[in-house]
Amino acid sequence: MLLADGGSGRRVVARPARVRERLAARWRAGSLERELARGAEPETAAALALRAQWLIGPAVRATLARRLLALVGDARRGDVWPGTRVRPPRRAVEAAAHELDLLAARLLAPGPVSARGVAQVRRLLSDGCGPLYFGGSSVDLRSALARAFEDLEL
């Protein structure tokens, strides 16, 4: 289901999403998430609304929380991170472990969250040039985590 302007500019109606809108939301997932993370309102475009609905779903929230907790667990155990996957610096994860735990707990908590905050968490976990992976980032990791936590609130 998708909320859309009924055409008059004064009312919002619920309608099923069109196939073209669903495809656009999938094809443009990365750019839509960047827009949402920056504060774009999901109601402004069908593709944004669909991506936001997907982001705030329980499966996505649980997956992100597991990834955050796995990073912290690996860092605390001192696990060697073999393989070709890029891993965040262990010291950075250990220093921000409390914030990562809080963020994971909030994602797992019942109740609504904003798509903006979830999009920020996804960006933190996937952006190799971001503060989680790159110590030279212009953004402080703990500040980015705190902002994402705050932005999870509606």
C-alpha atoms as a PDB file:
ATOM      1  CA  MET A   1       0.000   0.000   0.000  1.00  0.00           C
ATOM      2  CA  LEU A   2       1.216   3.466  -0.802  1.00  0.00           C
ATOM      3  CA  LEU A   3      -0.027   6.850   0.336  1.00  0.00           C
ATOM      4  CA  ALA A   4      -0.414   9.342  -2.465  1.00  0.00           C
ATOM      5  CA  ASP A   5      -1.961  12.705  -3.202  1.00  0.00           C
ATOM      6  CA  GLY A   6      -5.448  12.141  -4.546  1.00  0.00           C
ATOM      7  CA  GLY A   7      -4.828  14.684  -7.296  1.00  0.00           C
ATOM      8  CA  SER A   8      -6.484  17.633  -5.623  1.00  0.00           C
ATOM      9  CA  GLY A   9      -3.419  18.584  -3.623  1.00  0.00           C
ATOM     10  CA  ARG A  10      -5.580  18.616  -0.496  1.00  0.00           C
ATOM     11  CA  ARG A  11      -6.079  14.976   0.389  1.00  0.00           C
ATOM     12  CA  VAL A  12      -3.996  11.876   0.711  1.00  0.00           C
ATOM     13  CA  VAL A  13      -5.378   8.492  -0.307  1.00  0.00           C
ATOM     14  CA  ALA A  14      -4.089   4.967   0.050  1.00  0.00           C
ATOM     15  CA  ARG A  15      -3.516   3.044  -3.154  1.00  0.00           C
ATOM     16  CA  PRO A  16      -1.490   0.042  -4.253  1.00  0.00           C
ATOM     17  CA  ALA A  17       1.955   0.800  -5.597  1.00  0.00           C
ATOM     18  CA  ARG A  18       2.332   0.525  -9.351  1.00  0.00           C
ATOM     19  CA  VAL A  19       4.809  -1.945 -10.852  1.00  0.00           C
ATOM     20  CA  ARG A  20       6.839   0.929 -12.310  1.00  0.00           C
ATOM     21  CA  GLU A  21       7.079   2.554  -8.866  1.00  0.00           C
ATOM     22  CA  ARG A  22       8.216  -0.710  -7.270  1.00  0.00           C
ATOM     23  CA  LEU A  23      10.872  -1.223  -9.927  1.00  0.00           C
ATOM     24  CA  ALA A  24      12.103   2.359  -9.516  1.00  0.00           C
ATOM     25  CA  ALA A  25      12.383   1.841  -5.761  1.00  0.00           C
ATOM     26  CA  ARG A  26      14.580  -1.238  -6.335  1.00  0.00           C
ATOM     27  CA  TRP A  27      16.717   0.166  -9.137  1.00  0.00           C
ATOM     28  CA  ARG A  28      17.362   3.406  -7.284  1.00  0.00           C
ATOM     29  CA  ALA A  29      17.719   1.868  -3.808  1.00  0.00           C
ATOM     30  CA  GLY A  30      21.124   3.399  -3.050  1.00  0.00           C
ATOM     31  CA  SER A  31      20.259   6.915  -4.140  1.00  0.00           C
ATOM     32  CA  LEU A  32      16.878   6.760  -2.415  1.00  0.00           C
ATOM     33  CA  GLU A  33      18.536   5.673   0.830  1.00  0.00           C
ATOM     34  CA  ARG A  34      21.023   8.538   0.562  1.00  0.00           C
ATOM     35  CA  GLU A  35      18.121  10.950   0.126  1.00  0.00           C
ATOM     36  CA  LEU A  36      16.262   9.468   3.095  1.00  0.00           C
ATOM     37  CA  ALA A  37      19.408   9.536   5.250  1.00  0.00           C
ATOM     38  CA  ARG A  38      19.744  13.255   4.488  1.00  0.00           C
ATOM     39  CA  GLY A  39      16.175  13.897   5.574  1.00  0.00           C
ATOM     40  CA  ALA A  40      14.057  13.669   2.422  1.00  0.00           C
ATOM     41  CA  GLU A  41      10.402  13.178   3.279  1.00  0.00           C
ATOM     42  CA  PRO A  42       9.174   9.774   2.059  1.00  0.00           C
ATOM     43  CA  GLU A  43       5.801  11.252   1.116  1.00  0.00           C
ATOM     44  CA  THR A  44       7.332  13.379  -1.632  1.00  0.00           C
ATOM     45  CA  ALA A  45       7.765  10.533  -4.129  1.00  0.00           C
ATOM     46  CA  ALA A  46       6.398   7.042  -4.558  1.00  0.00           C
ATOM     47  CA  ALA A  47       9.847   5.467  -4.845  1.00  0.00           C
ATOM     48  CA  LEU A  48      10.965   7.185  -1.620  1.00  0.00           C
ATOM     49  CA  ALA A  49       7.841   6.000   0.177  1.00  0.00           C
ATOM     50  CA  LEU A  50       8.347   2.420  -0.969  1.00  0.00           C
ATOM     51  CA  ARG A  51      12.015   2.409   0.028  1.00  0.00           C
ATOM     52  CA  ALA A  52      11.141   3.908   3.413  1.00  0.00           C
ATOM     53  CA  GLN A  53       8.498   1.232   3.996  1.00  0.00           C
ATOM     54  CA  TRP A  54      11.051  -1.462   3.217  1.00  0.00           C
ATOM     55  CA  LEU A  55      13.696   0.102   5.474  1.00  0.00           C
ATOM     56  CA  ILE A  56      11.489   0.295   8.556  1.00  0.00           C
ATOM     57  CA  GLY A  57      10.331  -3.305   8.235  1.00  0.00           C
ATOM     58  CA  PRO A  58      11.243  -5.735  11.025  1.00  0.00           C
ATOM     59  CA  ALA A  59      13.451  -7.921   8.812  1.00  0.00           C
ATOM     60  CA  VAL A  60      15.697  -5.045   7.755  1.00  0.00           C
ATOM     61  CA  ARG A  61      15.883  -3.689  11.294  1.00  0.00           C
ATOM     62  CA  ALA A  62      16.833  -7.115  12.680  1.00  0.00           C
ATOM     63  CA  THR A  63      19.473  -7.662   9.992  1.00  0.00           C
ATOM     64  CA  LEU A  64      21.088  -4.302  10.694  1.00  0.00           C
ATOM     65  CA  ALA A  65      21.035  -4.933  14.447  1.00  0.00           C
ATOM     66  CA  ARG A  66      22.698  -8.335  13.971  1.00  0.00           C
ATOM     67  CA  ARG A  67      25.421  -6.761  11.835  1.00  0.00           C
ATOM     68  CA  LEU A  68      26.094  -4.094  14.473  1.00  0.00           C
ATOM     69  CA  LEU A  69      26.211  -6.662  17.273  1.00  0.00           C
ATOM     70  CA  ALA A  70      28.481  -8.947  15.232  1.00  0.00           C
ATOM     71  CA  LEU A  71      30.972  -6.106  14.729  1.00  0.00           C
ATOM     72  CA  VAL A  72      31.059  -5.427  18.451  1.00  0.00           C
ATOM     73  CA  GLY A  73      31.272  -9.125  19.346  1.00  0.00           C
ATOM     74  CA  ASP A  74      34.133  -9.731  16.938  1.00  0.00           C
ATOM     75  CA  ALA A  75      36.036  -6.714  18.246  1.00  0.00           C
ATOM     76  CA  ARG A  76      35.537  -7.705  21.898  1.00  0.00           C
ATOM     77  CA  ARG A  77      36.692 -11.272  21.250  1.00  0.00           C
ATOM     78  CA  GLY A  78      39.693 -10.027  19.335  1.00  0.00           C
ATOM     79  CA  ASP A  79      38.692 -12.159  16.367  1.00  0.00           C
ATOM     80  CA  VAL A  80      40.956 -12.006  13.394  1.00  0.00           C
ATOM     81  CA  TRP A  81      38.915 -10.900  10.435  1.00  0.00           C
ATOM     82  CA  PRO A  82      40.292 -13.002   7.581  1.00  0.00           C
ATOM     83  CA  GLY A  83      39.169 -12.802   4.014  1.00  0.00           C
ATOM     84  CA  THR A  84      38.794 -10.074   1.511  1.00  0.00           C
ATOM     85  CA  ARG A  85      35.881  -8.266   3.122  1.00  0.00           C
ATOM     86  CA  VAL A  86      36.730  -4.835   4.382  1.00  0.00           C
ATOM     87  CA  ARG A  87      36.342  -4.680   8.136  1.00  0.00           C
ATOM     88  CA  PRO A  88      36.230  -1.627  10.341  1.00  0.00           C
ATOM     89  CA  PRO A  89      39.259  -0.923  12.518  1.00  0.00           C
ATOM     90  CA  ARG A  90      38.922  -2.940  15.740  1.00  0.00           C
ATOM     91  CA  ARG A  91      39.934   0.020  17.915  1.00  0.00           C
ATOM     92  CA  ALA A  92      37.239   2.216  16.384  1.00  0.00           C
ATOM     93  CA  VAL A  93      34.602  -0.458  16.999  1.00  0.00           C
ATOM     94  CA  GLU A  94      35.772  -1.006  20.579  1.00  0.00           C
ATOM     95  CA  ALA A  95      35.727   2.748  21.263  1.00  0.00           C
ATOM     96  CA  ALA A  96      32.167   3.031  19.944  1.00  0.00           C
ATOM     97  CA  ALA A  97      30.902  -0.319  21.284  1.00  0.00           C
ATOM     98  CA  HIS A  98      28.424   1.276  23.699  1.00  0.00           C
ATOM     99  CA  GLU A  99      26.867   3.402  20.950  1.00  0.00           C
ATOM    100  CA  LEU A 100      26.756   0.421  18.571  1.00  0.00           C
ATOM    101  CA  ASP A 101      25.021  -1.688  21.231  1.00  0.00           C
ATOM    102  CA  LEU A 102      22.470   1.066  21.903  1.00  0.00           C
ATOM    103  CA  LEU A 103      21.765   1.464  18.212  1.00  0.00           C
ATOM    104  CA  ALA A 104      21.258  -2.287  17.782  1.00  0.00           C
ATOM    105  CA  ALA A 105      18.932  -2.400  20.791  1.00  0.00           C
ATOM    106  CA  ARG A 106      16.841   0.453  19.395  1.00  0.00           C
ATOM    107  CA  LEU A 107      16.540  -1.276  16.028  1.00  0.00           C
ATOM    108  CA  LEU A 108      15.354  -4.458  17.769  1.00  0.00           C
ATOM    109  CA  ALA A 109      12.936  -2.655  20.088  1.00  0.00           C
ATOM    110  CA  PRO A 110       9.250  -2.808  19.245  1.00  0.00           C
ATOM    111  CA  GLY A 111       7.615   0.298  17.942  1.00  0.00           C
ATOM    112  CA  PRO A 112       8.080   2.531  14.957  1.00  0.00           C
ATOM    113  CA  VAL A 113      11.327   4.074  13.797  1.00  0.00           C
ATOM    114  CA  SER A 114      12.012   6.647  11.127  1.00  0.00           C
ATOM    115  CA  ALA A 115      13.304   5.656   7.728  1.00  0.00           C
ATOM    116  CA  ARG A 116      15.872   8.434   8.014  1.00  0.00           C
ATOM    117  CA  GLY A 117      17.611   6.772  10.968  1.00  0.00           C
ATOM    118  CA  VAL A 118      17.508   3.299   9.432  1.00  0.00           C
ATOM    119  CA  ALA A 119      18.935   4.658   6.185  1.00  0.00           C
ATOM    120  CA  GLN A 120      21.758   6.270   8.153  1.00  0.00           C
ATOM    121  CA  VAL A 121      22.574   2.956   9.839  1.00  0.00           C
ATOM    122  CA  ARG A 122      22.638   1.177   6.462  1.00  0.00           C
ATOM    123  CA  ARG A 123      24.940   3.868   5.089  1.00  0.00           C
ATOM    124  CA  LEU A 124      27.281   3.565   8.079  1.00  0.00           C
ATOM    125  CA  LEU A 125      27.524  -0.188   7.567  1.00  0.00           C
ATOM    126  CA  SER A 126      28.034  -0.024   3.820  1.00  0.00           C
ATOM    127  CA  ASP A 127      30.061   3.133   3.133  1.00  0.00           C
ATOM    128  CA  GLY A 128      33.724   2.163   2.988  1.00  0.00           C
ATOM    129  CA  CYS A 129      34.713   5.843   3.036  1.00  0.00           C
ATOM    130  CA  GLY A 130      32.465   6.580   6.014  1.00  0.00           C
ATOM    131  CA  PRO A 131      33.428   6.943   9.666  1.00  0.00           C
ATOM    132  CA  LEU A 132      32.968   3.255  10.545  1.00  0.00           C
ATOM    133  CA  TYR A 133      35.616   2.062   8.080  1.00  0.00           C
ATOM    134  CA  PHE A 134      37.765   5.072   7.336  1.00  0.00           C
ATOM    135  CA  GLY A 135      39.598   6.764  10.212  1.00  0.00           C
ATOM    136  CA  GLY A 136      40.279   9.798   8.040  1.00  0.00           C
ATOM    137  CA  SER A 137      36.574  10.483   7.535  1.00  0.00           C
ATOM    138  CA  SER A 138      35.479  14.057   8.142  1.00  0.00           C
ATOM    139  CA  VAL A 139      32.706  12.665  10.359  1.00  0.00           C
ATOM    140  CA  ASP A 140      33.389  11.281  13.833  1.00  0.00           C
ATOM    141  CA  LEU A 141      32.072   7.715  14.247  1.00  0.00           C
ATOM    142  CA  ARG A 142      30.530   8.229  17.662  1.00  0.00           C
ATOM    143  CA  SER A 143      28.820  11.420  16.465  1.00  0.00           C
ATOM    144  CA  ALA A 144      27.447   9.614  13.407  1.00  0.00           C
ATOM    145  CA  LEU A 145      26.123   6.795  15.595  1.00  0.00           C
ATOM    146  CA  ALA A 146      24.508   9.266  18.005  1.00  0.00           C
ATOM    147  CA  ARG A 147      22.884  11.128  15.092  1.00  0.00           C
ATOM    148  CA  ALA A 148      21.532   7.869  13.634  1.00  0.00           C
ATOM    149  CA  PHE A 149      20.163   6.896  17.054  1.00  0.00           C
ATOM    150  CA  GLU A 150      18.425  10.261  17.426  1.00  0.00           C
ATOM    151  CA  ASP A 151      17.099  10.127  13.882  1.00  0.00           C
ATOM    152  CA  LEU A 152      15.496   6.727  14.498  1.00  0.00           C
ATOM    153  CA  GLU A 153      12.899   8.535  16.586  1.00  0.00           C
ATOM    154  CA  LEU A 154       9.811   9.720  14.769  1.00  0.00           C
END
